[in-house]
Protein backbone atom coordinates (compact mmCIF):
# COMPACT_ATOMS: atom_id res chain seq x y z
CA MET A 1 75.67 -1.82 190.83
CA VAL A 2 73.11 -1.47 188.02
CA GLU A 3 72.86 -4.54 185.80
CA PRO A 4 73.10 -3.81 182.06
CA SER A 5 69.85 -4.15 180.13
CA PRO A 6 69.46 -7.45 178.26
CA LEU A 7 69.90 -7.16 174.50
CA THR A 8 67.99 -8.62 171.58
CA ILE A 9 69.47 -8.82 168.09
CA ARG A 10 66.91 -8.55 165.29
CA PRO A 11 66.34 -7.13 161.80
CA TYR A 12 64.78 -3.72 161.19
CA ARG A 13 61.05 -3.31 161.73
CA VAL A 14 58.80 -0.63 160.27
CA ASN A 15 59.10 2.67 162.18
CA ASP A 16 62.44 1.77 163.82
CA GLU A 17 63.90 4.65 161.80
CA HIS A 18 62.43 7.23 164.20
CA ASP A 19 64.58 5.87 167.04
CA LEU A 20 67.52 5.30 164.69
CA VAL A 21 67.76 8.91 163.53
CA ALA A 22 67.89 9.93 167.20
CA LEU A 23 70.66 7.36 167.75
CA PHE A 24 72.47 8.74 164.68
CA ALA A 25 72.47 12.25 166.18
CA ARG A 26 73.87 10.93 169.47
CA CYS A 27 76.62 8.94 167.76
CA PHE A 28 77.69 11.30 164.97
CA GLY A 29 76.84 14.72 166.35
CA ARG A 30 74.68 15.72 163.38
CA ARG A 31 71.11 15.11 162.36
CA ILE A 32 69.44 13.30 159.51
CA THR A 33 65.74 12.97 158.80
CA ALA A 34 63.72 9.76 158.83
CA GLU A 35 63.15 10.41 155.11
CA HIS A 36 66.90 10.42 154.53
CA TRP A 37 67.32 7.19 156.52
CA ARG A 38 64.58 5.45 154.51
CA TRP A 39 66.02 6.67 151.20
CA LYS A 40 69.48 5.44 152.06
CA LEU A 41 68.67 2.07 153.59
CA ARG A 42 65.16 0.99 152.61
CA SER A 43 64.48 2.34 149.11
CA ARG A 44 66.70 0.00 147.06
CA PRO A 45 65.20 -3.19 145.59
CA CYS A 46 66.06 -5.88 148.15
CA SER A 47 64.47 -9.11 149.35
CA LEU A 48 66.75 -9.67 152.35
CA ASP A 49 67.26 -7.98 155.70
CA ASN A 50 69.89 -5.28 155.23
CA VAL A 51 69.54 -3.45 158.57
CA TRP A 52 70.16 -5.23 161.88
CA LEU A 53 69.77 -3.86 165.39
CA ALA A 54 70.62 -4.59 168.97
CA VAL A 55 67.65 -3.54 171.11
CA ALA A 56 67.43 -2.87 174.86
CA ASP A 57 64.16 -1.97 176.59
CA ASP A 58 62.49 -1.79 173.14
CA LYS A 59 64.95 0.88 171.96
CA PRO A 60 67.68 0.36 169.32
CA VAL A 61 71.13 0.83 170.86
CA PHE A 62 73.19 -0.49 167.93
CA GLN A 63 72.79 -0.53 164.15
CA TYR A 64 74.66 -2.50 161.51
CA ALA A 65 73.46 -1.68 157.99
CA GLY A 66 74.31 -2.29 154.37
CA ILE A 67 73.05 -0.67 151.19
CA PRO A 68 72.06 -3.52 148.82
CA THR A 69 73.77 -2.90 145.50
CA ARG A 70 73.56 -4.51 142.07
CA PHE A 71 77.14 -5.22 141.04
CA ARG A 72 78.88 -6.53 137.92
CA LEU A 73 81.57 -9.03 138.93
CA MET A 74 83.59 -10.00 135.85
CA GLN A 75 80.42 -9.61 133.72
CA THR A 76 78.33 -11.64 136.22
CA PRO A 77 75.52 -9.81 138.06
CA VAL A 78 75.70 -10.24 141.86
CA THR A 79 74.34 -8.52 144.96
CA THR A 80 76.76 -6.75 147.30
CA MET A 81 76.38 -4.70 150.48
CA VAL A 82 77.93 -1.28 151.11
CA SER A 83 78.52 -1.06 154.86
CA VAL A 84 77.36 2.30 156.27
CA ASP A 85 76.42 4.02 159.52
CA THR A 86 77.51 1.45 162.08
CA MET A 87 76.61 3.04 165.40
CA THR A 88 76.46 2.20 169.09
CA ALA A 89 74.78 4.16 171.88
CA PRO A 90 77.57 5.56 174.12
CA GLU A 91 76.39 3.65 177.21
CA PHE A 92 76.55 0.33 175.31
CA ARG A 93 80.06 0.67 173.89
CA ARG A 94 82.81 -1.82 174.74
CA ARG A 95 80.31 -4.66 175.04
CA GLY A 96 81.33 -6.41 171.83
CA LEU A 97 78.20 -5.47 169.89
CA LEU A 98 80.03 -4.93 166.61
CA THR A 99 81.55 -8.40 166.77
CA GLN A 100 78.29 -10.07 167.82
CA VAL A 101 75.97 -8.38 165.38
CA ALA A 102 78.24 -8.10 162.33
CA GLY A 103 79.26 -11.75 162.60
CA ARG A 104 75.63 -12.82 162.66
CA VAL A 105 74.75 -10.47 159.79
CA TYR A 106 77.57 -11.71 157.55
CA ALA A 107 76.44 -15.29 158.09
CA ALA A 108 72.88 -14.36 157.09
CA TRP A 109 73.99 -12.41 154.02
CA ARG A 110 76.34 -15.21 152.94
CA GLU A 111 73.50 -17.71 153.16
CA GLN A 112 71.30 -15.41 151.06
CA GLY A 113 73.87 -15.09 148.27
CA VAL A 114 75.51 -11.72 148.92
CA ALA A 115 78.94 -11.80 147.24
CA PHE A 116 80.81 -9.41 149.52
CA VAL A 117 80.56 -6.42 151.84
CA ILE A 118 82.53 -3.30 150.94
CA GLY A 119 83.09 -0.19 153.00
CA LEU A 120 85.38 2.29 154.68
CA PRO A 121 86.00 0.97 158.22
CA ASN A 122 87.32 3.75 160.42
CA GLU A 123 90.07 3.64 163.01
CA GLN A 124 87.54 3.17 165.85
CA TRP A 125 86.98 -0.40 164.65
CA GLY A 126 90.59 -1.24 165.57
CA SER A 127 91.48 -4.93 165.47
CA ARG A 128 87.81 -5.91 165.22
CA ALA A 129 87.86 -5.14 161.48
CA ARG A 130 90.44 -7.88 160.89
CA ALA A 131 88.68 -10.26 163.26
CA LEU A 132 85.48 -9.82 161.25
CA GLY A 133 87.27 -10.61 158.00
CA TRP A 134 87.79 -7.14 156.52
CA ARG A 135 90.59 -7.09 153.92
CA PRO A 136 92.21 -3.87 152.63
CA LEU A 137 91.88 -3.36 148.88
CA PHE A 138 93.45 0.02 148.07
CA PRO A 139 93.23 3.65 149.21
CA LEU A 140 90.66 6.23 148.18
CA GLN A 141 91.99 9.80 148.19
CA TRP A 142 90.49 13.26 148.36
CA LEU A 143 91.62 15.74 145.71
CA VAL A 144 90.88 19.45 145.47
CA ARG A 145 90.93 21.72 142.44
CA PRO A 146 91.02 25.41 143.47
CA LEU A 147 88.66 27.56 141.40
CA ARG A 148 89.09 30.94 143.08
CA PRO A 149 92.50 30.78 144.78
CA GLU A 150 92.25 34.46 145.77
CA ALA A 151 89.12 33.74 147.85
CA ILE A 152 90.76 30.74 149.52
CA LEU A 153 93.85 32.81 150.36
CA ALA A 154 91.72 35.67 151.68
CA ARG A 155 89.94 33.31 154.06
CA TRP A 156 93.14 31.60 155.23
CA LEU A 157 94.91 34.91 155.89
CA GLY A 158 91.87 36.72 157.25
CA VAL A 159 92.24 39.50 154.66
CA PRO A 160 88.86 39.86 152.87
CA SER A 161 90.20 42.47 150.44
CA LEU A 162 92.28 39.77 148.71
CA LYS A 163 89.05 38.45 147.18
CA ARG A 164 89.09 41.42 144.83
CA ALA A 165 92.44 40.35 143.33
CA THR A 166 90.81 38.27 140.61
CA PHE A 167 93.64 38.30 138.07
CA PRO A 168 95.66 35.44 139.69
CA GLY A 169 92.54 33.24 139.75
CA ALA A 170 91.66 34.07 136.16
CA LEU A 171 95.20 33.23 135.06
CA TRP A 172 95.18 29.99 137.11
CA ASN A 173 91.94 28.83 135.50
CA TYR A 174 93.04 29.85 132.01
CA LEU A 175 96.27 27.85 132.28
CA LEU A 176 94.50 24.80 133.67
CA ARG A 177 91.80 24.92 131.00
CA LEU A 178 94.56 24.53 128.43
CA ARG A 179 94.99 20.99 129.82
CA VAL A 180 91.28 20.15 129.44
CA HIS A 181 90.26 20.03 125.79
CA ARG A 182 86.54 20.39 125.20
CA ASP A 183 85.33 18.46 122.16
CA PRO A 184 83.03 20.65 120.00
CA GLU A 185 81.19 17.51 118.85
CA ILE A 186 80.04 16.76 122.41
CA GLN A 187 76.89 18.43 123.72
CA THR A 188 76.04 18.52 127.42
CA GLU A 189 72.70 19.05 129.14
CA PRO A 190 71.41 18.79 132.70
CA VAL A 191 68.81 16.10 133.35
CA GLY A 192 66.18 16.02 136.08
CA ARG A 193 65.49 12.33 135.67
CA ALA A 194 67.77 9.59 134.35
CA HIS A 195 66.23 7.89 131.30
CA GLU A 196 67.03 5.15 128.79
CA ALA A 197 70.20 6.94 127.64
CA PHE A 198 71.79 6.01 130.99
CA ASP A 199 70.97 2.33 130.44
CA GLU A 200 72.46 2.56 126.95
CA LEU A 201 75.57 4.23 128.33
CA TRP A 202 76.02 1.58 131.02
CA GLU A 203 75.66 -1.27 128.53
CA SER A 204 78.21 0.28 126.19
CA CYS A 205 80.79 1.24 128.85
CA GLY A 206 80.27 -1.01 131.88
CA SER A 207 82.32 -3.88 130.47
CA ASP A 208 85.44 -1.66 130.46
CA TRP A 209 86.00 -2.76 134.07
CA MET A 210 85.94 -6.15 135.78
CA PHE A 211 84.32 -4.77 138.94
CA SER A 212 81.67 -2.08 139.13
CA THR A 213 78.39 -1.06 140.68
CA VAL A 214 75.71 -1.26 137.98
CA ARG A 215 75.50 2.39 136.97
CA ASN A 216 72.25 2.34 135.02
CA ARG A 217 69.34 4.78 135.23
CA GLU A 218 67.88 3.11 138.31
CA TRP A 219 71.12 3.67 140.20
CA VAL A 220 71.60 7.26 138.98
CA ASN A 221 68.03 8.16 139.93
CA TRP A 222 68.36 6.57 143.37
CA ARG A 223 71.88 7.72 144.26
CA PHE A 224 71.63 11.29 143.06
CA LEU A 225 68.25 12.51 141.83
CA SER A 226 66.07 11.12 144.63
CA ALA A 227 68.46 11.94 147.50
CA PRO A 228 66.28 14.01 149.87
CA ASP A 229 68.96 16.21 151.45
CA SER A 230 71.38 16.79 148.56
CA ALA A 231 70.80 18.85 145.41
CA TYR A 232 72.95 17.05 142.84
CA THR A 233 73.27 18.28 139.25
CA VAL A 234 73.47 15.43 136.73
CA THR A 235 74.85 16.41 133.31
CA LEU A 236 74.54 14.06 130.34
CA ALA A 237 77.06 14.21 127.48
CA GLN A 238 76.12 13.13 123.96
CA ARG A 239 78.12 12.74 120.77
CA ALA A 240 76.18 12.63 117.48
CA GLY A 241 72.99 12.08 119.46
CA ARG A 242 74.34 9.08 121.39
CA PRO A 243 75.09 9.17 125.13
CA CYS A 244 78.82 9.10 125.90
CA GLY A 245 79.07 10.05 129.57
CA TYR A 246 77.67 11.90 132.55
CA SER A 247 78.90 13.92 135.51
CA VAL A 248 77.37 14.61 138.91
CA HIS A 249 78.22 17.56 141.11
CA ARG A 250 76.69 19.60 143.89
CA VAL A 251 77.26 23.04 145.36
CA SER A 252 77.03 23.90 149.05
CA THR A 253 77.68 26.91 151.27
CA ILE A 254 79.88 26.11 154.25
CA ARG A 255 80.50 28.83 156.86
CA GLY A 256 79.88 31.54 154.30
CA HIS A 257 81.96 30.20 151.41
CA VAL A 258 80.77 28.31 148.36
CA ALA A 259 82.27 24.86 147.81
CA ALA A 260 81.50 22.09 145.34
CA SER A 261 82.02 18.34 145.04
CA LEU A 262 82.34 16.15 141.95
CA ALA A 263 80.58 12.98 143.03
CA GLU A 264 80.90 11.06 139.77
CA LEU A 265 82.23 11.33 136.23
CA PHE A 266 81.41 8.33 134.07
CA ALA A 267 82.49 7.65 130.48
CA ALA A 268 84.16 4.89 128.50
CA ARG A 269 87.60 4.15 129.85
CA ALA A 270 89.42 5.41 126.75
CA ASP A 271 87.15 8.41 126.13
CA ALA A 272 89.28 11.28 127.47
CA ALA A 273 87.41 13.76 125.23
CA THR A 274 84.13 13.12 127.06
CA ARG A 275 85.79 13.37 130.46
CA ASP A 276 87.44 16.65 129.45
CA SER A 277 84.19 18.08 128.06
CA LEU A 278 82.18 17.17 131.15
CA LEU A 279 84.79 18.56 133.53
CA ASP A 280 85.03 21.77 131.50
CA GLU A 281 81.24 22.16 131.71
CA VAL A 282 81.20 21.52 135.47
CA ILE A 283 83.98 24.04 136.11
CA ALA A 284 82.22 26.68 133.95
CA GLN A 285 79.05 26.25 136.02
CA LEU A 286 80.97 26.44 139.29
CA LEU A 287 82.86 29.59 138.31
CA SER A 288 79.50 31.20 137.54
CA ALA A 289 78.30 30.13 141.00
CA GLN A 290 81.41 31.69 142.60
CA ALA A 291 82.54 28.35 144.04
CA GLU A 292 85.99 28.51 145.59
CA ALA A 293 87.07 24.90 145.07
CA LEU A 294 85.98 21.55 143.66
CA VAL A 295 86.69 18.38 145.63
CA THR A 296 86.43 14.77 144.51
CA LEU A 297 87.59 11.25 145.37
CA ALA A 298 89.67 8.85 143.30
CA VAL A 299 91.93 5.82 143.73
CA PRO A 300 95.66 6.68 143.55
CA GLY A 301 97.64 4.96 140.82
CA THR A 302 94.73 4.67 138.39
CA GLU A 303 94.54 6.32 134.98
CA TYR A 304 91.53 8.34 136.20
CA PHE A 305 93.54 9.64 139.17
CA ARG A 306 96.37 10.68 136.85
CA TRP A 307 93.86 12.46 134.59
CA LEU A 308 92.52 14.42 137.56
CA ARG A 309 96.03 15.40 138.57
CA GLY A 310 96.68 16.66 135.04
CA ALA A 311 93.48 18.71 135.24
CA GLY A 312 94.76 20.61 138.29
CA PHE A 313 93.48 18.52 141.21
CA ILE A 314 95.78 18.43 144.24
CA PRO A 315 95.89 15.28 146.47
CA ARG A 316 94.82 15.55 150.09
CA HIS A 317 94.23 12.86 152.75
CA ARG A 318 93.30 9.27 151.98
CA PHE A 319 91.58 6.31 153.63
CA SER A 320 91.27 2.60 153.01
CA VAL A 321 88.65 0.79 150.92
CA GLU A 322 88.12 -2.66 152.43
CA LEU A 323 86.08 -5.76 151.69
CA VAL A 324 84.63 -8.78 153.50
CA PRO A 325 84.44 -11.73 151.08
CA LEU A 326 81.27 -13.76 151.58
CA SER A 327 81.36 -15.84 148.40
CA THR A 328 84.16 -18.41 148.18
CA GLU A 329 84.48 -17.75 144.45
CA LEU A 330 85.68 -14.15 144.49
CA PRO A 331 88.79 -13.43 142.35
CA LEU A 332 90.52 -11.75 145.30
CA GLU A 333 93.93 -11.34 143.65
CA ARG A 334 92.40 -9.48 140.72
CA MET A 335 90.28 -7.40 143.06
CA LEU A 336 93.43 -5.98 144.67
CA ASP A 337 94.28 -4.16 141.43
CA PRO A 338 92.41 -0.82 141.40
CA GLU A 339 92.70 -0.58 137.61
CA HIS A 340 90.16 -3.43 137.41
CA TRP A 341 87.59 -1.31 139.27
CA ASN A 342 85.20 1.44 138.29
CA LEU A 343 84.92 2.97 141.75
CA SER A 344 84.21 6.51 142.94
CA GLY A 345 83.18 8.29 146.11
CA ALA A 346 79.58 7.85 144.99
CA ASP A 347 79.87 4.12 145.66
CA PHE A 348 79.86 5.07 149.34
CA ASP A 349 78.08 7.87 151.22
CA VAL A 350 80.93 10.34 151.67
CA ILE A 351 80.34 12.74 148.78
């Protein structure tokens, strides 16, 4: 019987990413580049170890990582970690690595002042999620807004000629646009680099929620405009020369059909006119690009979710947003109410 290799638990070291992208491909069945790994996990301002490994024979066989995030907690700035890309080499599974490494990591992050860890634990974690202190907050749900229903139907039925029946799609979009009222006083423009207007927007709107990632220009540039493998379009809205919101979307071709995702739409909580204007602009661009559908993520039961439903988005499957409290001073009861949060799919890495 072959003895298992001894394991060492340690933080990331320079150039580990070359082995880690290979481990990622083995674990998830798809590839990322070392550039993507570095952007995601090593390009945020951070003075603490945010990536931890279990190593056997000088090769990483397990990764536990968090994206360090500036967060506004009831108007107080704190550091949080977004848990992403936990992975174990197949031959080292069922050896308790998640429990060993994550427990050690949480202790280190707690000591260094991290307020909490947030993420989307999947079903493979099983009872270990509870044992490690993960607490469910609320669900996050996919929604889809068909843009060219005739193309979707043609693909589902295997009848390509249905794509030419454009009248039903035109009628569908006309009726839904009656629910989205574009404000003629709001101008929109794409931006290639987030600038001071995004800081101004965050300072004027961020206090609308008790709990939110700091969505200033640094975050917008990192999350969207410097992402190496994703071509996001960031659109800034202005009213009377002052910033009032922004949207982020991207278009992709999947197995021959054009799809789109709305990663973020940010405006003051009560500013439905800006939300409507930005969504109208995004949909106009996507119709020109022949996109078949627009997908997004939102928390059920929130005013934003209800607005999306009114704009023609149809709910699909959902999953659980969960949190590991590290600070003893978190207002956990208030954090269970999703209306206190400004949270989107862009807070994670799923859109």
